Amino acid sequence: MHSDGPHLHSTSTTGLQLTRIRVDAGRLRVRVAGEVDLATAGELRDALDVALDGLTGTVLEVDLEDVRFLDSSGVLVLLTAHARAAGQDCPLVVSNAQSGVLRVLEITGVSAMLIGD
């Protein structure tokens, strides 16, 4: 990831794109685009770890609008980050999950925990 003013953006060789945006004082958004699977889950994990470093009292929103595919390794990354965020008083919420990704979150039983308002 490289700094671009208040935005951080990363495009990997695997095609996963991650953009970090400070929405306001109380919300930080990480936009994810591409496919989150075994090959790219580590990149998402690293991006969420960086976003959470030193963060307290701020909502961390993971925007999945442009995610075409999410497998169990991606779900595990989201759950791990959710637990870490909770320990830092930073609610982690998933937003804009499209039907296929939403279905994975529902089947795995984590949608109620992760989906934001």
N, C-alpha and C. Protein backbone atom coordinates (compact mmCIF):
# COMPACT_ATOMS: atom_id res chain seq x y z
N MET A 1 0.84 -1.17 0.00
CA MET A 1 0.00 0.00 0.00
C MET A 1 0.88 1.23 0.00
N HIS A 2 0.45 2.25 -0.70
CA HIS A 2 1.18 3.49 -0.67
C HIS A 2 0.24 4.62 -0.29
N SER A 3 0.81 5.69 0.23
CA SER A 3 0.01 6.80 0.71
C SER A 3 -0.39 7.69 -0.45
N ASP A 4 -1.62 8.12 -0.47
CA ASP A 4 -2.16 9.02 -1.47
C ASP A 4 -3.05 10.01 -0.74
N GLY A 5 -2.44 10.92 0.00
CA GLY A 5 -3.19 11.83 0.86
C GLY A 5 -3.86 11.02 1.94
N PRO A 6 -5.17 11.27 2.17
CA PRO A 6 -5.87 10.52 3.22
C PRO A 6 -6.23 9.10 2.77
N HIS A 7 -5.96 8.78 1.52
CA HIS A 7 -6.30 7.48 0.97
C HIS A 7 -5.05 6.62 0.86
N LEU A 8 -5.20 5.35 1.11
CA LEU A 8 -4.14 4.40 0.84
C LEU A 8 -4.68 3.42 -0.18
N HIS A 9 -3.89 3.09 -1.18
CA HIS A 9 -4.37 2.24 -2.24
C HIS A 9 -3.32 1.18 -2.56
N SER A 10 -3.80 -0.02 -2.84
CA SER A 10 -2.90 -1.10 -3.20
C SER A 10 -3.54 -1.93 -4.30
N THR A 11 -2.77 -2.23 -5.30
CA THR A 11 -3.19 -3.18 -6.32
C THR A 11 -2.12 -4.26 -6.36
N SER A 12 -2.53 -5.49 -6.13
CA SER A 12 -1.55 -6.57 -6.06
C SER A 12 -1.40 -7.25 -7.41
N THR A 13 -0.42 -8.11 -7.48
CA THR A 13 -0.23 -8.89 -8.69
C THR A 13 -1.36 -9.91 -8.86
N THR A 14 -2.09 -10.18 -7.78
CA THR A 14 -3.19 -11.13 -7.86
C THR A 14 -4.49 -10.46 -8.29
N GLY A 15 -4.48 -9.15 -8.42
CA GLY A 15 -5.68 -8.43 -8.86
C GLY A 15 -6.55 -7.90 -7.73
N LEU A 16 -6.20 -8.20 -6.49
CA LEU A 16 -6.97 -7.67 -5.37
C LEU A 16 -6.61 -6.20 -5.20
N GLN A 17 -7.64 -5.37 -5.06
CA GLN A 17 -7.42 -3.94 -4.87
C GLN A 17 -7.96 -3.54 -3.50
N LEU A 18 -7.16 -2.81 -2.76
CA LEU A 18 -7.52 -2.37 -1.42
C LEU A 18 -7.32 -0.86 -1.33
N THR A 19 -8.35 -0.17 -0.88
CA THR A 19 -8.27 1.28 -0.72
C THR A 19 -8.73 1.63 0.68
N ARG A 20 -7.91 2.39 1.40
CA ARG A 20 -8.27 2.80 2.75
C ARG A 20 -8.61 4.28 2.74
N ILE A 21 -9.78 4.62 3.28
CA ILE A 21 -10.26 5.99 3.25
C ILE A 21 -10.74 6.38 4.64
N ARG A 22 -10.28 7.53 5.12
CA ARG A 22 -10.80 8.07 6.38
C ARG A 22 -12.08 8.81 6.01
N VAL A 23 -13.23 8.24 6.37
CA VAL A 23 -14.53 8.81 6.03
C VAL A 23 -14.77 10.06 6.87
N ASP A 24 -14.58 9.92 8.17
CA ASP A 24 -14.68 11.04 9.11
C ASP A 24 -13.95 10.62 10.38
N ALA A 25 -14.06 11.43 11.43
CA ALA A 25 -13.32 11.14 12.66
C ALA A 25 -13.72 9.81 13.29
N GLY A 26 -14.94 9.33 12.99
CA GLY A 26 -15.42 8.12 13.63
C GLY A 26 -15.49 6.90 12.73
N ARG A 27 -15.04 7.01 11.48
CA ARG A 27 -15.16 5.88 10.55
C ARG A 27 -13.99 5.84 9.59
N LEU A 28 -13.42 4.63 9.49
CA LEU A 28 -12.37 4.34 8.52
C LEU A 28 -12.90 3.23 7.62
N ARG A 29 -12.78 3.41 6.31
CA ARG A 29 -13.30 2.43 5.36
C ARG A 29 -12.16 1.79 4.59
N VAL A 30 -12.23 0.46 4.46
CA VAL A 30 -11.33 -0.27 3.58
C VAL A 30 -12.20 -0.85 2.47
N ARG A 31 -11.98 -0.36 1.25
CA ARG A 31 -12.71 -0.87 0.09
C ARG A 31 -11.90 -2.01 -0.51
N VAL A 32 -12.60 -3.07 -0.80
CA VAL A 32 -11.95 -4.27 -1.35
C VAL A 32 -12.57 -4.54 -2.72
N ALA A 33 -11.73 -4.84 -3.71
CA ALA A 33 -12.22 -5.17 -5.04
C ALA A 33 -11.44 -6.37 -5.57
N GLY A 34 -12.17 -7.28 -6.18
CA GLY A 34 -11.55 -8.47 -6.75
C GLY A 34 -12.08 -9.72 -6.08
N GLU A 35 -11.26 -10.74 -6.02
CA GLU A 35 -11.63 -12.01 -5.41
C GLU A 35 -10.80 -12.24 -4.16
N VAL A 36 -11.49 -12.60 -3.06
CA VAL A 36 -10.81 -12.89 -1.81
C VAL A 36 -10.85 -14.40 -1.63
N ASP A 37 -9.69 -15.02 -1.82
CA ASP A 37 -9.56 -16.47 -1.71
C ASP A 37 -8.23 -16.79 -1.05
N LEU A 38 -7.85 -18.03 -1.07
CA LEU A 38 -6.61 -18.45 -0.43
C LEU A 38 -5.41 -17.67 -0.93
N ALA A 39 -5.40 -17.33 -2.21
CA ALA A 39 -4.26 -16.61 -2.80
C ALA A 39 -4.19 -15.14 -2.38
N THR A 40 -5.33 -14.54 -2.02
CA THR A 40 -5.35 -13.10 -1.72
C THR A 40 -5.74 -12.77 -0.28
N ALA A 41 -6.19 -13.75 0.49
CA ALA A 41 -6.65 -13.49 1.86
C ALA A 41 -5.57 -12.85 2.71
N GLY A 42 -4.32 -13.23 2.51
CA GLY A 42 -3.22 -12.65 3.28
C GLY A 42 -3.08 -11.15 3.04
N GLU A 43 -3.33 -10.72 1.82
CA GLU A 43 -3.27 -9.29 1.51
C GLU A 43 -4.38 -8.53 2.24
N LEU A 44 -5.57 -9.11 2.27
CA LEU A 44 -6.67 -8.49 3.01
C LEU A 44 -6.34 -8.46 4.49
N ARG A 45 -5.83 -9.56 5.02
CA ARG A 45 -5.45 -9.61 6.44
C ARG A 45 -4.45 -8.50 6.76
N ASP A 46 -3.41 -8.37 5.92
CA ASP A 46 -2.39 -7.35 6.15
C ASP A 46 -2.98 -5.94 6.11
N ALA A 47 -3.88 -5.70 5.16
CA ALA A 47 -4.51 -4.38 5.04
C ALA A 47 -5.35 -4.06 6.26
N LEU A 48 -6.09 -5.05 6.76
CA LEU A 48 -6.91 -4.82 7.95
C LEU A 48 -6.05 -4.66 9.19
N ASP A 49 -4.95 -5.40 9.27
CA ASP A 49 -4.01 -5.24 10.38
C ASP A 49 -3.44 -3.81 10.40
N VAL A 50 -3.04 -3.32 9.24
CA VAL A 50 -2.50 -1.96 9.15
C VAL A 50 -3.58 -0.95 9.54
N ALA A 51 -4.80 -1.16 9.07
CA ALA A 51 -5.89 -0.24 9.40
C ALA A 51 -6.15 -0.21 10.91
N LEU A 52 -6.02 -1.36 11.55
CA LEU A 52 -6.32 -1.46 12.99
C LEU A 52 -5.15 -1.01 13.88
N ASP A 53 -3.96 -0.93 13.33
CA ASP A 53 -2.80 -0.53 14.14
C ASP A 53 -3.05 0.83 14.77
N GLY A 54 -3.09 0.86 16.09
CA GLY A 54 -3.26 2.10 16.83
C GLY A 54 -4.66 2.70 16.79
N LEU A 55 -5.60 2.02 16.19
CA LEU A 55 -6.96 2.54 16.05
C LEU A 55 -7.77 2.21 17.30
N THR A 56 -8.48 3.18 17.83
CA THR A 56 -9.40 2.94 18.94
C THR A 56 -10.62 3.83 18.77
N GLY A 57 -11.77 3.32 19.18
CA GLY A 57 -12.99 4.11 19.17
C GLY A 57 -13.47 4.53 17.80
N THR A 58 -13.07 3.84 16.76
CA THR A 58 -13.44 4.18 15.39
C THR A 58 -14.06 2.96 14.72
N VAL A 59 -15.12 3.18 13.98
CA VAL A 59 -15.72 2.09 13.21
C VAL A 59 -14.81 1.77 12.04
N LEU A 60 -14.50 0.50 11.86
CA LEU A 60 -13.76 0.04 10.69
C LEU A 60 -14.75 -0.64 9.76
N GLU A 61 -15.01 -0.01 8.64
CA GLU A 61 -15.96 -0.53 7.66
C GLU A 61 -15.18 -1.23 6.54
N VAL A 62 -15.56 -2.46 6.25
CA VAL A 62 -14.96 -3.20 5.15
C VAL A 62 -16.00 -3.26 4.04
N ASP A 63 -15.78 -2.47 3.01
CA ASP A 63 -16.72 -2.32 1.90
C ASP A 63 -16.42 -3.40 0.85
N LEU A 64 -17.35 -4.33 0.70
CA LEU A 64 -17.16 -5.46 -0.23
C LEU A 64 -17.95 -5.32 -1.53
N GLU A 65 -18.36 -4.11 -1.86
CA GLU A 65 -19.20 -3.90 -3.04
C GLU A 65 -18.58 -4.48 -4.31
N ASP A 66 -17.27 -4.37 -4.45
CA ASP A 66 -16.61 -4.83 -5.67
C ASP A 66 -15.91 -6.17 -5.52
N VAL A 67 -16.31 -6.94 -4.50
CA VAL A 67 -15.77 -8.28 -4.33
C VAL A 67 -16.67 -9.26 -5.08
N ARG A 68 -16.09 -9.96 -6.02
CA ARG A 68 -16.85 -10.90 -6.86
C ARG A 68 -16.92 -12.29 -6.26
N PHE A 69 -15.96 -12.62 -5.37
CA PHE A 69 -15.88 -13.96 -4.81
C PHE A 69 -15.23 -13.88 -3.43
N LEU A 70 -15.76 -14.63 -2.49
CA LEU A 70 -15.21 -14.70 -1.15
C LEU A 70 -15.28 -16.16 -0.72
N ASP A 71 -14.14 -16.73 -0.31
CA ASP A 71 -14.16 -18.11 0.17
C ASP A 71 -13.93 -18.13 1.67
N SER A 72 -13.79 -19.32 2.22
CA SER A 72 -13.68 -19.47 3.68
C SER A 72 -12.43 -18.80 4.23
N SER A 73 -11.36 -18.71 3.45
CA SER A 73 -10.16 -18.03 3.95
C SER A 73 -10.43 -16.54 4.12
N GLY A 74 -11.24 -15.96 3.25
CA GLY A 74 -11.63 -14.57 3.39
C GLY A 74 -12.55 -14.36 4.58
N VAL A 75 -13.46 -15.29 4.80
CA VAL A 75 -14.35 -15.22 5.97
C VAL A 75 -13.51 -15.27 7.25
N LEU A 76 -12.51 -16.14 7.29
CA LEU A 76 -11.65 -16.23 8.47
C LEU A 76 -10.92 -14.92 8.72
N VAL A 77 -10.43 -14.28 7.67
CA VAL A 77 -9.75 -12.98 7.82
C VAL A 77 -10.71 -11.96 8.41
N LEU A 78 -11.95 -11.92 7.92
CA LEU A 78 -12.92 -10.97 8.45
C LEU A 78 -13.24 -11.25 9.91
N LEU A 79 -13.39 -12.52 10.26
CA LEU A 79 -13.69 -12.86 11.66
C LEU A 79 -12.52 -12.54 12.59
N THR A 80 -11.31 -12.80 12.16
CA THR A 80 -10.12 -12.50 12.96
C THR A 80 -10.00 -10.99 13.18
N ALA A 81 -10.20 -10.23 12.11
CA ALA A 81 -10.13 -8.77 12.22
C ALA A 81 -11.26 -8.24 13.10
N HIS A 82 -12.44 -8.85 12.99
CA HIS A 82 -13.59 -8.45 13.81
C HIS A 82 -13.26 -8.62 15.30
N ALA A 83 -12.66 -9.74 15.65
CA ALA A 83 -12.29 -10.00 17.05
C ALA A 83 -11.23 -9.01 17.52
N ARG A 84 -10.24 -8.77 16.70
CA ARG A 84 -9.19 -7.80 17.08
C ARG A 84 -9.80 -6.41 17.25
N ALA A 85 -10.65 -6.02 16.31
CA ALA A 85 -11.28 -4.69 16.37
C ALA A 85 -12.11 -4.53 17.64
N ALA A 86 -12.85 -5.56 18.00
CA ALA A 86 -13.67 -5.50 19.21
C ALA A 86 -12.80 -5.26 20.44
N GLY A 87 -11.64 -5.87 20.48
CA GLY A 87 -10.72 -5.68 21.59
C GLY A 87 -10.12 -4.28 21.65
N GLN A 88 -10.24 -3.54 20.56
CA GLN A 88 -9.71 -2.18 20.50
C GLN A 88 -10.84 -1.15 20.51
N ASP A 89 -12.05 -1.57 20.86
CA ASP A 89 -13.22 -0.69 20.86
C ASP A 89 -13.44 -0.06 19.48
N CYS A 90 -13.26 -0.87 18.45
CA CYS A 90 -13.45 -0.44 17.06
C CYS A 90 -14.39 -1.43 16.38
N PRO A 91 -15.67 -1.15 16.38
CA PRO A 91 -16.56 -2.09 15.71
C PRO A 91 -16.15 -2.28 14.25
N LEU A 92 -16.05 -3.53 13.81
CA LEU A 92 -15.78 -3.83 12.41
C LEU A 92 -17.09 -4.26 11.79
N VAL A 93 -17.46 -3.60 10.69
CA VAL A 93 -18.69 -3.93 9.98
C VAL A 93 -18.38 -4.13 8.51
N VAL A 94 -19.09 -5.05 7.90
CA VAL A 94 -18.99 -5.29 6.47
C VAL A 94 -20.16 -4.58 5.81
N SER A 95 -19.88 -3.88 4.71
CA SER A 95 -20.94 -3.18 4.00
C SER A 95 -20.95 -3.57 2.53
N ASN A 96 -22.10 -3.37 1.91
CA ASN A 96 -22.28 -3.50 0.45
C ASN A 96 -21.93 -4.87 -0.12
N ALA A 97 -22.06 -5.92 0.66
CA ALA A 97 -21.78 -7.27 0.13
C ALA A 97 -22.82 -7.61 -0.93
N GLN A 98 -22.35 -8.00 -2.10
CA GLN A 98 -23.23 -8.38 -3.19
C GLN A 98 -23.78 -9.79 -2.96
N SER A 99 -24.73 -10.19 -3.74
CA SER A 99 -25.49 -11.42 -3.47
C SER A 99 -24.63 -12.66 -3.26
N GLY A 100 -23.64 -12.90 -4.10
CA GLY A 100 -22.80 -14.10 -3.95
C GLY A 100 -21.99 -14.08 -2.68
N VAL A 101 -21.42 -12.93 -2.37
CA VAL A 101 -20.62 -12.77 -1.16
C VAL A 101 -21.53 -12.82 0.06
N LEU A 102 -22.66 -12.16 -0.02
CA LEU A 102 -23.62 -12.19 1.09
C LEU A 102 -24.06 -13.61 1.37
N ARG A 103 -24.27 -14.38 0.33
CA ARG A 103 -24.68 -15.78 0.51
C ARG A 103 -23.62 -16.57 1.28
N VAL A 104 -22.36 -16.35 0.97
CA VAL A 104 -21.27 -17.03 1.70
C VAL A 104 -21.31 -16.64 3.17
N LEU A 105 -21.51 -15.36 3.45
CA LEU A 105 -21.57 -14.90 4.84
C LEU A 105 -22.77 -15.50 5.57
N GLU A 106 -23.88 -15.66 4.86
CA GLU A 106 -25.06 -16.27 5.46
C GLU A 106 -24.86 -17.76 5.70
N ILE A 107 -24.32 -18.47 4.72
CA ILE A 107 -24.11 -19.92 4.84
C ILE A 107 -23.16 -20.24 5.99
N THR A 108 -22.15 -19.40 6.17
CA THR A 108 -21.17 -19.65 7.23
C THR A 108 -21.67 -19.16 8.59
N GLY A 109 -22.82 -18.52 8.61
CA GLY A 109 -23.43 -18.09 9.87
C GLY A 109 -22.82 -16.85 10.49
N VAL A 110 -22.11 -16.05 9.70
CA VAL A 110 -21.46 -14.86 10.27
C VAL A 110 -22.06 -13.55 9.80
N SER A 111 -23.07 -13.61 8.95
CA SER A 111 -23.61 -12.35 8.40
C SER A 111 -24.17 -11.44 9.49
N ALA A 112 -24.89 -12.00 10.45
CA ALA A 112 -25.48 -11.17 11.52
C ALA A 112 -24.40 -10.47 12.33
N MET A 113 -23.26 -11.11 12.49
CA MET A 113 -22.16 -10.52 13.26
C MET A 113 -21.43 -9.43 12.47
N LEU A 114 -21.29 -9.64 11.17
CA LEU A 114 -20.42 -8.76 10.37
C LEU A 114 -21.13 -7.65 9.60
N ILE A 115 -22.37 -7.87 9.20
CA ILE A 115 -23.03 -6.91 8.33
C ILE A 115 -23.42 -5.67 9.12
N GLY A 116 -22.99 -4.51 8.61
CA GLY A 116 -23.29 -3.23 9.25
C GLY A 116 -24.66 -2.74 8.86
N ASP A 117 -25.08 -1.71 9.58
CA ASP A 117 -26.38 -1.09 9.29
C ASP A 117 -26.34 -0.32 8.00
